[in-house]
Protein backbone atom coordinates (compact mmCIF):
# COMPACT_ATOMS: atom_id res chain seq x y z
CA MET A 1 6.78 -7.37 -51.45
CA ILE A 2 9.38 -6.42 -48.93
CA ARG A 3 9.31 -2.89 -50.32
CA LYS A 4 5.53 -2.65 -49.70
CA PHE A 5 6.02 -3.99 -46.12
CA LEU A 6 8.62 -1.37 -45.32
CA ILE A 7 6.48 1.40 -46.66
CA LEU A 8 3.58 0.25 -44.51
CA LEU A 9 5.85 0.06 -41.49
CA VAL A 10 7.37 3.41 -41.95
CA GLY A 11 3.94 4.87 -42.53
CA ALA A 12 2.48 3.29 -39.37
CA ALA A 13 5.39 4.38 -37.04
CA PRO A 14 4.07 7.86 -36.44
CA ALA A 15 0.57 6.49 -35.65
CA LEU A 16 2.00 4.03 -33.18
CA ALA A 17 4.15 6.69 -31.52
CA PHE A 18 1.03 8.96 -31.18
CA ALA A 19 -1.03 6.22 -29.66
CA GLN A 20 1.46 5.67 -26.95
CA ALA A 21 1.99 9.37 -26.10
CA PRO A 22 0.31 10.56 -22.91
CA ASP A 23 -2.85 12.67 -23.42
CA PRO A 24 -1.88 16.28 -22.53
CA LEU A 25 -5.53 16.98 -21.41
CA ASP A 26 -5.71 14.01 -19.06
CA ASN A 27 -5.63 15.49 -15.44
CA SER A 28 -6.54 12.30 -13.76
CA ARG A 29 -3.00 11.68 -12.53
CA PHE A 30 -2.87 14.92 -10.69
CA SER A 31 -4.54 15.62 -7.37
CA SER A 32 -5.29 19.08 -5.89
CA ARG A 33 -4.62 18.07 -2.33
CA HIS A 34 -2.62 14.91 -1.57
CA GLU A 35 -0.76 12.65 -3.79
CA GLU A 36 -1.03 8.99 -2.71
CA PRO A 37 1.41 6.20 -3.85
CA ALA A 38 -0.01 3.76 -6.43
CA THR A 39 -0.24 1.00 -3.78
CA TRP A 40 -1.54 2.56 -0.61
CA GLN A 41 0.06 1.46 2.63
CA GLU A 42 -1.38 2.42 6.03
CA GLY A 43 1.13 4.05 8.36
CA GLU A 44 1.60 3.14 11.97
CA SER A 45 -0.25 4.97 14.67
CA ASP A 46 0.27 5.18 18.39
CA LEU A 47 -2.64 5.37 20.77
CA PRO A 48 -3.29 8.97 21.78
CA ALA A 49 -3.81 10.31 25.28
CA TYR A 50 -7.28 9.67 26.70
CA PRO A 51 -9.60 12.57 25.82
CA SER A 52 -9.85 15.59 28.02
CA PRO A 53 -13.18 17.27 28.50
CA GLU A 54 -11.89 20.71 27.74
CA ASN A 55 -10.72 19.43 24.24
CA LEU A 56 -14.06 18.01 23.20
CA ILE A 57 -15.88 19.77 20.27
CA GLU A 58 -19.44 18.62 19.64
CA PHE A 59 -20.53 18.08 16.08
CA TYR A 60 -23.94 17.65 14.55
CA VAL A 61 -25.02 14.20 13.25
CA SER A 62 -28.84 14.38 12.66
CA ALA A 63 -32.10 15.55 14.05
CA THR A 64 -33.17 11.94 14.71
CA THR A 65 -30.48 11.01 17.30
CA LEU A 66 -30.68 11.63 20.96
CA ASN A 67 -26.99 11.01 21.40
CA LYS A 68 -24.32 13.78 21.52
CA PHE A 69 -21.13 13.39 19.51
CA PHE A 70 -17.67 14.88 20.18
CA VAL A 71 -14.20 14.74 18.82
CA ASP A 72 -11.25 15.44 20.98
CA ALA A 73 -9.51 18.31 19.06
CA GLY A 74 -6.21 17.50 20.75
CA THR A 75 -6.04 14.00 19.23
CA LEU A 76 -7.01 15.00 15.68
CA SER A 77 -4.19 14.19 13.20
CA VAL A 78 -3.71 13.73 9.47
CA GLY A 79 -1.13 10.99 8.66
CA ALA A 80 1.25 10.93 5.79
CA ASP A 81 -0.82 7.93 4.65
CA GLY A 82 -3.85 10.25 4.17
CA VAL A 83 -5.82 8.88 7.18
CA VAL A 84 -7.54 11.30 9.46
CA ARG A 85 -7.38 9.99 12.96
CA TYR A 86 -9.29 11.22 16.07
CA VAL A 87 -10.86 10.28 19.35
CA LEU A 88 -14.65 10.03 19.20
CA VAL A 89 -16.82 10.44 22.33
CA VAL A 90 -20.51 9.57 22.15
CA ARG A 91 -22.76 10.44 25.05
CA THR A 92 -26.09 8.60 25.06
CA SER A 93 -29.31 10.15 26.38
CA GLY A 94 -29.20 7.74 29.21
CA GLY A 95 -25.82 9.07 30.42
CA ALA A 96 -23.50 6.42 29.10
CA GLU A 97 -20.33 7.47 27.42
CA ASN A 98 -18.49 5.51 24.67
CA THR A 99 -14.92 6.46 23.68
CA SER A 100 -13.12 5.20 20.59
CA TYR A 101 -9.94 6.00 18.69
CA GLU A 102 -10.72 5.87 14.90
CA GLY A 103 -9.52 6.73 11.43
CA ILE A 104 -11.08 7.77 8.18
CA HIS A 105 -9.49 7.25 4.79
CA CYS A 106 -11.21 9.89 2.73
CA ARG A 107 -10.16 8.64 -0.70
CA GLU A 108 -11.70 5.30 -0.10
CA SER A 109 -14.62 6.55 2.00
CA LYS A 110 -13.81 4.00 4.76
CA TRP A 111 -13.37 4.10 8.49
CA ARG A 112 -11.50 1.96 10.95
CA LEU A 113 -11.71 1.36 14.74
CA TYR A 114 -8.34 1.21 16.37
CA ALA A 115 -9.21 1.08 20.08
CA THR A 116 -11.99 1.63 22.53
CA GLY A 117 -11.90 3.23 25.97
CA ARG A 118 -12.68 1.27 29.10
CA MET A 119 -12.55 1.75 32.88
CA ASP A 120 -9.99 -0.38 34.67
CA ASN A 121 -9.77 0.07 38.48
CA LYS A 122 -11.34 3.52 38.21
CA GLU A 123 -8.77 4.57 35.51
CA THR A 124 -9.61 5.00 31.97
CA LYS A 125 -7.44 3.05 29.49
CA TRP A 126 -7.40 2.09 25.83
CA ALA A 127 -8.16 -1.51 24.73
CA ARG A 128 -7.04 -2.29 21.09
CA ALA A 129 -9.92 -3.33 18.98
CA ARG A 130 -10.18 -7.06 18.37
CA ILE A 131 -11.64 -6.51 14.95
CA SER A 132 -9.90 -3.55 13.33
CA GLU A 133 -10.64 -3.51 9.58
CA TRP A 134 -11.59 -0.84 7.07
CA ARG A 135 -15.40 -0.51 6.62
CA SER A 136 -17.33 1.53 4.13
CA ILE A 137 -19.01 4.63 5.45
CA GLU A 138 -22.72 4.54 4.83
CA ASN A 139 -25.00 7.52 5.05
CA LYS A 140 -27.95 5.83 6.81
CA PRO A 141 -30.26 7.04 9.62
CA VAL A 142 -28.75 4.94 12.37
CA ASN A 143 -25.02 5.39 13.34
CA ARG A 144 -24.58 8.17 10.93
CA HIS A 145 -21.69 9.83 12.72
CA HIS A 146 -19.04 8.42 10.34
CA ALA A 147 -20.85 9.93 7.35
CA ALA A 148 -21.12 13.31 9.12
CA LEU A 149 -17.49 13.34 9.98
CA SER A 150 -16.48 12.31 6.43
CA ARG A 151 -18.88 14.30 4.37
CA ASP A 152 -19.27 17.41 6.44
CA LEU A 153 -15.94 17.89 8.30
CA PHE A 154 -12.91 15.81 7.47
CA CYS A 155 -13.14 14.91 3.72
CA PRO A 156 -14.13 18.13 1.88
CA ASN A 157 -15.40 16.87 -1.47
CA GLY A 158 -13.70 13.53 -1.05
CA ASP A 159 -10.27 15.02 -0.40
CA THR A 160 -8.24 14.53 2.73
CA LEU A 161 -7.66 17.44 5.16
CA LEU A 162 -4.28 19.15 4.68
CA ASN A 163 -3.57 19.17 8.43
CA ALA A 164 -5.17 18.79 11.82
CA ASP A 165 -5.77 22.61 12.20
CA GLU A 166 -8.06 22.42 9.09
CA GLY A 167 -10.08 19.76 10.85
CA ARG A 168 -10.20 21.61 14.10
CA ASN A 169 -11.49 24.69 12.23
CA ALA A 170 -14.15 22.63 10.51
CA LEU A 171 -15.33 21.31 13.82
CA ARG A 172 -15.60 24.75 15.34
CA LEU A 173 -17.47 26.01 12.26
CA GLY A 174 -19.75 22.89 12.26
CA LYS A 175 -18.93 22.25 8.55
CA HIS A 176 -15.88 22.34 6.42
CA PRO A 177 -15.81 25.62 4.42
CA GLN A 178 -15.38 23.76 1.10
CA VAL A 179 -18.35 21.46 1.53
CA ASP A 180 -21.28 22.51 -0.52
């Protein structure tokens, strides 16, 4: 009886070893652009300088909006945490201007508001956002600018930009070269 058990055990050992070996055709653990740690941790980010009009690059959102959308190219950055951070300026058809400091986490298709611009004694200043949490990017007719930034410019095919120059180039072209 013991002899039969040992024969079964010895015969099963190669099968067990093969079952635990990694699949050589499995490429899911490799990324073509950025490797992120298993448990993602957002890095710290300082507030940038307030946007300069000469650094603003307009980008297309949709034919249905009357607003104009700009990114301050001088504030565009790609963090070691994989977050693309930028200053967004929205000019409404009525002449109002909204300024915000935001980030997009491409791998998760989420955006976050860090701060908003405000006037204080005729001086523009940043005010940290009271609610600053990661939110899903939705491609909907209203407030589509995050989807436009993510899908068309800063997250080519779901990947994060390699660096800020790649993002500035995409803004100047009006579309990332790798986006279909």
